[in-house]
N, C-alpha and C. Protein backbone atom coordinates (compact mmCIF):
# COMPACT_ATOMS: atom_id res chain seq x y z
N MET A 1 1.06 -0.92 0.01
CA MET A 1 -0.29 0.30 0.22
C MET A 1 0.78 1.57 -0.04
N THR A 2 0.68 2.18 -0.65
CA THR A 2 1.38 3.23 -0.60
C THR A 2 0.71 4.34 -0.13
N GLY A 3 1.50 5.37 0.30
CA GLY A 3 0.86 6.62 1.55
C GLY A 3 0.61 7.48 0.35
N LEU A 4 0.14 8.65 0.83
CA LEU A 4 -0.29 10.14 0.14
C LEU A 4 1.26 10.98 0.11
N LEU A 5 0.79 11.85 -1.81
CA LEU A 5 1.83 12.40 -1.22
C LEU A 5 1.21 14.02 -1.62
N THR A 6 1.87 14.98 -0.83
CA THR A 6 1.70 16.51 -0.80
C THR A 6 2.28 16.98 -1.42
N ILE A 7 2.15 18.34 -1.96
CA ILE A 7 3.08 18.85 -2.45
C ILE A 7 3.15 20.52 -2.46
N THR A 8 3.91 21.07 -1.93
CA THR A 8 2.83 22.45 -1.85
C THR A 8 4.88 23.38 -2.46
N GLN A 9 4.61 24.26 -2.77
CA GLN A 9 5.68 25.25 -3.45
C GLN A 9 5.56 26.66 -3.09
N HIS A 10 6.56 27.39 -2.81
CA HIS A 10 6.62 28.77 -2.33
C HIS A 10 7.97 29.78 -3.42
N ASP A 11 7.57 30.60 -3.04
CA ASP A 11 8.99 31.38 -3.80
C ASP A 11 9.87 31.90 -2.70
N HIS A 12 11.06 31.88 -2.97
CA HIS A 12 12.20 32.62 -2.44
C HIS A 12 12.85 33.15 -3.36
N PRO A 13 13.59 34.43 -2.60
CA PRO A 13 13.49 35.17 -3.64
C PRO A 13 15.12 35.06 -4.67
N ALA A 14 15.54 33.99 -4.15
CA ALA A 14 16.25 33.55 -5.43
C ALA A 14 15.40 32.38 -6.41
N ALA A 15 14.90 31.48 -5.77
CA ALA A 15 14.14 30.30 -6.27
C ALA A 15 12.97 29.84 -6.07
N ARG A 16 11.92 28.86 -6.42
CA ARG A 16 11.21 28.33 -6.62
C ARG A 16 11.50 27.12 -5.55
N VAL A 17 10.58 27.22 -4.05
CA VAL A 17 10.93 26.02 -3.90
C VAL A 17 9.57 24.81 -3.63
N ILE A 18 10.14 23.59 -4.17
CA ILE A 18 8.60 22.84 -3.66
C ILE A 18 9.37 22.14 -2.84
N VAL A 19 8.10 21.98 -1.98
CA VAL A 19 8.36 21.01 -0.94
C VAL A 19 7.65 19.44 -1.26
N LEU A 20 8.00 18.49 -0.99
CA LEU A 20 7.29 17.41 -1.26
C LEU A 20 7.29 16.42 -0.11
N ARG A 21 5.98 16.16 -0.06
CA ARG A 21 6.09 15.21 1.07
C ARG A 21 4.98 13.30 1.21
N GLY A 22 5.94 12.81 1.38
CA GLY A 22 5.20 11.41 1.19
C GLY A 22 6.23 10.30 0.12
N PRO A 23 5.96 9.61 -0.62
CA PRO A 23 6.65 8.43 -1.01
C PRO A 23 6.47 9.07 -2.51
N LEU A 24 7.94 8.54 -3.43
CA LEU A 24 7.46 8.98 -5.05
C LEU A 24 7.55 7.50 -5.45
N ASP A 25 6.47 7.02 -5.40
CA ASP A 25 6.43 5.85 -5.71
C ASP A 25 5.76 5.84 -7.16
N ALA A 26 5.52 4.61 -7.89
CA ALA A 26 4.49 4.23 -9.17
C ALA A 26 3.12 5.00 -9.20
N HIS A 27 2.93 5.06 -7.99
CA HIS A 27 1.45 5.68 -7.56
C HIS A 27 1.20 7.43 -7.88
N THR A 28 2.25 7.32 -7.06
CA THR A 28 2.34 8.97 -6.35
C THR A 28 3.21 10.00 -7.84
N THR A 29 4.22 9.39 -8.96
CA THR A 29 4.96 10.13 -9.15
C THR A 29 4.13 11.00 -10.43
N PRO A 30 2.66 10.38 -11.01
CA PRO A 30 1.97 11.51 -11.67
C PRO A 30 1.58 12.86 -11.45
N GLN A 31 1.45 13.04 -9.85
CA GLN A 31 1.67 14.14 -9.24
C GLN A 31 2.79 15.11 -9.13
N LEU A 32 3.97 14.21 -9.10
CA LEU A 32 5.14 14.62 -9.33
C LEU A 32 5.44 15.56 -10.78
N ASP A 33 4.50 14.23 -11.95
CA ASP A 33 4.68 14.70 -13.38
C ASP A 33 3.92 15.91 -13.61
N GLN A 34 3.09 16.31 -12.64
CA GLN A 34 2.42 17.19 -13.23
C GLN A 34 2.82 18.38 -12.74
N VAL A 35 3.96 18.29 -11.92
CA VAL A 35 4.32 19.40 -11.26
C VAL A 35 5.18 20.29 -12.31
N CYS A 36 6.19 18.89 -12.78
CA CYS A 36 7.57 18.81 -13.66
C CYS A 36 6.86 19.71 -14.91
N ASN A 37 6.04 19.00 -15.59
CA ASN A 37 5.44 19.59 -16.85
C ASN A 37 4.46 21.02 -16.82
N ASP A 38 4.09 21.41 -15.59
CA ASP A 38 3.89 22.66 -15.00
C ASP A 38 5.25 23.35 -15.68
N LEU A 39 6.11 23.49 -14.53
CA LEU A 39 7.36 24.33 -14.54
C LEU A 39 7.60 23.85 -16.41
N ILE A 40 7.97 22.63 -17.09
CA ILE A 40 8.33 22.65 -18.56
C ILE A 40 7.72 24.20 -19.36
N ALA A 41 6.38 23.90 -19.14
CA ALA A 41 5.32 24.66 -20.22
C ALA A 41 5.44 25.87 -19.36
N MET A 42 6.19 26.66 -19.07
CA MET A 42 6.51 27.84 -18.63
C MET A 42 7.50 28.61 -19.75
N PRO A 43 7.23 29.54 -20.10
CA PRO A 43 7.92 30.37 -21.66
C PRO A 43 8.81 30.53 -20.47
N GLU A 44 8.87 30.98 -19.41
CA GLU A 44 10.05 31.54 -18.56
C GLU A 44 10.52 30.97 -17.19
N PRO A 45 10.30 29.47 -17.12
CA PRO A 45 10.33 29.26 -15.79
C PRO A 45 11.46 29.96 -15.06
N PRO A 46 11.19 29.52 -13.52
CA PRO A 46 12.16 30.20 -12.20
C PRO A 46 13.69 29.94 -12.81
N ALA A 47 14.32 30.61 -12.53
CA ALA A 47 15.87 30.46 -13.20
C ALA A 47 16.58 28.96 -12.10
N LEU A 48 15.68 28.99 -11.07
CA LEU A 48 16.51 28.22 -10.22
C LEU A 48 15.46 27.29 -9.51
N THR A 49 14.89 26.09 -9.36
CA THR A 49 13.97 25.17 -8.89
C THR A 49 13.98 24.30 -7.69
N VAL A 50 14.14 24.46 -6.55
CA VAL A 50 14.89 23.47 -5.46
C VAL A 50 13.74 22.50 -5.21
N PHE A 51 13.50 21.58 -5.22
CA PHE A 51 13.20 20.35 -4.20
C PHE A 51 13.34 19.77 -3.40
N ASP A 52 12.75 20.39 -2.35
CA ASP A 52 12.75 20.16 -0.62
C ASP A 52 12.06 18.35 -0.40
N CYS A 53 13.61 17.70 -0.35
CA CYS A 53 12.90 16.14 -0.26
C CYS A 53 13.02 15.54 1.15
N SER A 54 12.97 15.98 2.23
CA SER A 54 13.19 16.13 3.38
C SER A 54 12.16 14.90 4.18
N GLU A 55 10.78 15.27 3.45
CA GLU A 55 9.87 14.19 3.98
C GLU A 55 9.54 13.04 3.06
N VAL A 56 10.35 12.75 2.04
CA VAL A 56 10.29 11.83 1.51
C VAL A 56 11.10 10.35 1.42
N ASN A 57 10.93 9.45 1.75
CA ASN A 57 11.79 8.18 1.87
C ASN A 57 11.76 7.27 0.76
N ILE A 58 10.88 7.05 0.18
CA ILE A 58 10.92 6.22 -1.01
C ILE A 58 10.95 7.04 -2.30
N MET A 59 12.45 6.73 -3.13
CA MET A 59 12.12 7.35 -4.92
C MET A 59 12.49 6.29 -5.66
N GLY A 60 11.03 5.90 -6.22
CA GLY A 60 11.38 5.10 -7.53
C GLY A 60 11.64 5.57 -8.55
N SER A 61 11.62 4.74 -9.17
CA SER A 61 12.69 4.64 -10.82
C SER A 61 12.22 5.98 -11.99
N LEU A 62 10.80 6.07 -11.52
CA LEU A 62 9.75 6.37 -12.40
C LEU A 62 9.87 7.69 -11.73
N ALA A 63 10.07 8.29 -10.91
CA ALA A 63 10.35 9.83 -10.07
C ALA A 63 11.59 10.34 -10.75
N MET A 64 12.44 9.11 -10.28
CA MET A 64 13.98 9.46 -11.16
C MET A 64 13.87 10.10 -12.70
N GLY A 65 13.13 9.32 -13.26
CA GLY A 65 13.09 9.88 -14.59
C GLY A 65 12.25 10.93 -14.76
N SER A 66 11.32 11.39 -13.97
CA SER A 66 10.83 13.00 -13.96
C SER A 66 11.58 13.87 -13.37
N PHE A 67 12.50 13.42 -12.85
CA PHE A 67 13.44 14.80 -12.15
C PHE A 67 14.25 14.56 -13.15
N ILE A 68 15.10 13.58 -14.33
CA ILE A 68 15.69 14.12 -14.94
C ILE A 68 15.68 14.55 -16.54
N ARG A 69 14.00 14.44 -16.70
CA ARG A 69 13.65 14.63 -17.89
C ARG A 69 13.71 16.04 -17.45
N LEU A 70 13.23 16.90 -16.42
CA LEU A 70 12.69 18.02 -16.11
C LEU A 70 14.05 18.57 -16.28
N LYS A 71 15.10 18.24 -15.41
CA LYS A 71 16.66 19.30 -15.59
C LYS A 71 16.46 19.47 -16.96
N ARG A 72 16.76 18.60 -17.61
CA ARG A 72 17.20 18.76 -18.70
C ARG A 72 16.37 19.77 -19.75
N GLU A 73 14.94 19.47 -19.62
CA GLU A 73 14.03 20.71 -20.57
C GLU A 73 14.53 21.92 -19.56
N LEU A 74 14.48 22.13 -18.01
CA LEU A 74 15.19 23.51 -17.99
C LEU A 74 16.38 23.69 -17.97
N LEU A 75 17.57 23.09 -18.25
CA LEU A 75 18.59 22.97 -19.08
C LEU A 75 17.75 23.90 -20.11
N ARG A 76 17.70 23.21 -21.18
CA ARG A 76 17.50 24.00 -22.04
C ARG A 76 17.09 25.46 -22.33
N LYS A 77 16.17 25.48 -21.36
CA LYS A 77 15.55 27.06 -20.64
C LYS A 77 16.27 28.15 -20.29
N ASN A 78 17.69 27.77 -19.82
CA ASN A 78 18.65 28.19 -18.78
C ASN A 78 18.15 28.65 -17.23
N ALA A 79 17.57 27.34 -17.37
CA ALA A 79 17.76 27.30 -15.83
C ALA A 79 17.76 26.09 -15.43
N SER A 80 17.70 26.17 -13.57
CA SER A 80 17.98 24.53 -13.37
C SER A 80 17.03 24.17 -12.01
N MET A 81 17.57 23.17 -11.93
CA MET A 81 16.66 22.35 -10.37
C MET A 81 18.26 21.65 -9.53
N ARG A 82 17.62 21.97 -8.40
CA ARG A 82 18.66 21.21 -7.53
C ARG A 82 17.51 20.23 -6.57
N LEU A 83 18.14 19.28 -6.23
CA LEU A 83 17.09 18.36 -4.21
C LEU A 83 17.55 18.97 -3.33
N SER A 84 17.49 18.60 -2.45
CA SER A 84 17.77 19.19 -1.14
C SER A 84 17.31 18.18 0.08
N THR A 85 18.22 17.78 0.82
CA THR A 85 17.46 17.23 2.19
C THR A 85 17.05 15.89 1.72
N LEU A 86 17.86 14.96 1.32
CA LEU A 86 17.46 13.75 0.59
C LEU A 86 17.66 13.00 2.11
N HIS A 87 16.04 11.55 2.64
CA HIS A 87 16.43 11.25 3.13
C HIS A 87 17.39 10.09 2.55
N PRO A 88 18.45 9.46 3.56
CA PRO A 88 19.74 7.86 3.44
C PRO A 88 18.95 7.36 2.52
N SER A 89 17.83 7.04 2.47
CA SER A 89 17.76 5.49 1.42
C SER A 89 17.45 6.21 0.03
N VAL A 90 17.09 7.83 0.10
CA VAL A 90 16.61 8.38 -0.96
C VAL A 90 18.23 8.83 -1.95
N PHE A 91 18.99 8.75 -1.22
CA PHE A 91 20.78 9.19 -1.71
C PHE A 91 21.10 8.01 -2.13
N ALA A 92 20.54 6.50 -1.40
CA ALA A 92 21.38 5.49 -1.89
C ALA A 92 20.71 4.90 -2.69
N ALA A 93 19.39 5.34 -3.04
CA ALA A 93 18.78 5.17 -4.93
C ALA A 93 19.45 5.30 -5.63
N LEU A 94 19.23 6.92 -5.48
CA LEU A 94 20.36 7.89 -6.43
C LEU A 94 21.56 7.47 -6.65
N ARG A 95 22.45 7.14 -5.40
CA ARG A 95 23.63 6.66 -5.54
C ARG A 95 23.53 5.82 -6.72
N HIS A 96 23.01 4.35 -6.05
CA HIS A 96 22.96 3.04 -6.70
C HIS A 96 23.11 3.32 -8.27
N ALA A 97 21.87 4.58 -8.93
CA ALA A 97 21.55 4.54 -10.05
C ALA A 97 22.84 5.42 -10.28
N ARG A 98 23.74 6.02 -10.07
CA ARG A 98 24.78 6.94 -10.26
C ARG A 98 24.15 8.53 -10.53
N LEU A 99 22.95 8.64 -9.92
CA LEU A 99 22.51 9.70 -10.04
C LEU A 99 22.40 11.11 -9.43
N HIS A 100 23.34 10.54 -8.43
CA HIS A 100 24.03 11.75 -7.49
C HIS A 100 25.00 12.10 -8.49
N LEU A 101 25.77 12.28 -9.45
CA LEU A 101 26.68 12.56 -10.31
C LEU A 101 26.01 13.58 -11.24
N PHE A 102 24.45 13.44 -11.24
CA PHE A 102 23.72 13.72 -12.65
C PHE A 102 23.24 15.06 -12.00
N PHE A 103 22.15 14.69 -10.26
CA PHE A 103 21.92 16.02 -9.71
C PHE A 103 22.76 16.57 -8.63
N GLU A 104 22.53 18.27 -8.82
CA GLU A 104 22.88 18.72 -7.62
C GLU A 104 22.26 18.71 -6.26
N ILE A 105 23.02 18.17 -5.35
CA ILE A 105 22.35 17.87 -4.02
C ILE A 105 22.76 18.50 -3.19
N TYR A 106 21.93 19.13 -2.33
CA TYR A 106 22.40 19.66 -0.80
C TYR A 106 21.86 19.26 0.13
N ASP A 107 22.87 19.49 1.38
CA ASP A 107 22.01 19.15 2.60
C ASP A 107 21.05 19.99 3.03
N THR A 108 20.64 21.20 2.78
CA THR A 108 19.54 21.92 3.41
C THR A 108 18.77 22.66 2.40
N VAL A 109 17.90 23.24 2.60
CA VAL A 109 17.44 24.06 1.43
C VAL A 109 17.71 25.27 1.10
N GLU A 110 18.32 25.44 2.42
CA GLU A 110 18.98 27.31 2.74
C GLU A 110 20.54 27.19 1.97
N ALA A 111 21.21 26.08 1.81
CA ALA A 111 22.00 25.78 0.72
C ALA A 111 21.97 25.48 -0.40
N ALA A 112 21.32 24.79 -0.65
CA ALA A 112 20.36 24.88 -2.24
C ALA A 112 20.35 25.99 -3.01
N VAL A 113 19.14 26.88 -2.33
CA VAL A 113 18.64 28.13 -2.42
C VAL A 113 20.14 29.67 -2.42
N GLY A 114 21.10 29.39 -1.38
CA GLY A 114 22.05 30.18 -1.20
C GLY A 114 23.60 29.98 -2.13
N GLU A 115 23.28 28.65 -2.76
CA GLU A 115 24.41 28.97 -3.75
C GLU A 115 24.21 28.62 -4.93
N ILE A 116 24.10 30.43 -5.51
CA ILE A 116 24.17 30.66 -6.94
C ILE A 116 25.54 30.60 -7.48
N HIS A 117 25.26 30.24 -8.81
CA HIS A 117 26.45 30.05 -9.50
C HIS A 117 26.05 31.14 -10.02
N ALA A 118 27.27 32.03 -10.74
CA ALA A 118 27.15 33.56 -11.43
C ALA A 118 27.28 32.64 -13.24
C-alpha cells in the first residue's frame, strides 16, 4: 500500500521551492509529473527550482526519470533544479543509479538556494 504525496510550493527571492511530502513511487509519480510539466510549459520558468525532499523516504525509478526529464528541459531554458535534504534511503537509491553525479544535491534548502552560480 502506498502513502499519499503532498506537494506545496513557495517562492524564495532566489528560487522556487517545491516541498514534497510522502513517497515518490509508481502511484504518486503522476503528481510529480504534473508539477514538472507545469514548470516545463512555462515560457520562462524560475531560474532555479529546489525540491525539498526532507519528507520523502522512497524514490522510485519513475520519479527519478521525471527529475531527469525536468532537469534537461530546464537546462534548455537556461534554468536549473536542485534536490535538497535527501533521506539516506533516497540518496542511496540515487547513488545506486549513479544519479548523485547528475543532480545537484544539497544538505539543506538554504544551502541549495544560497549557492547561486554566477
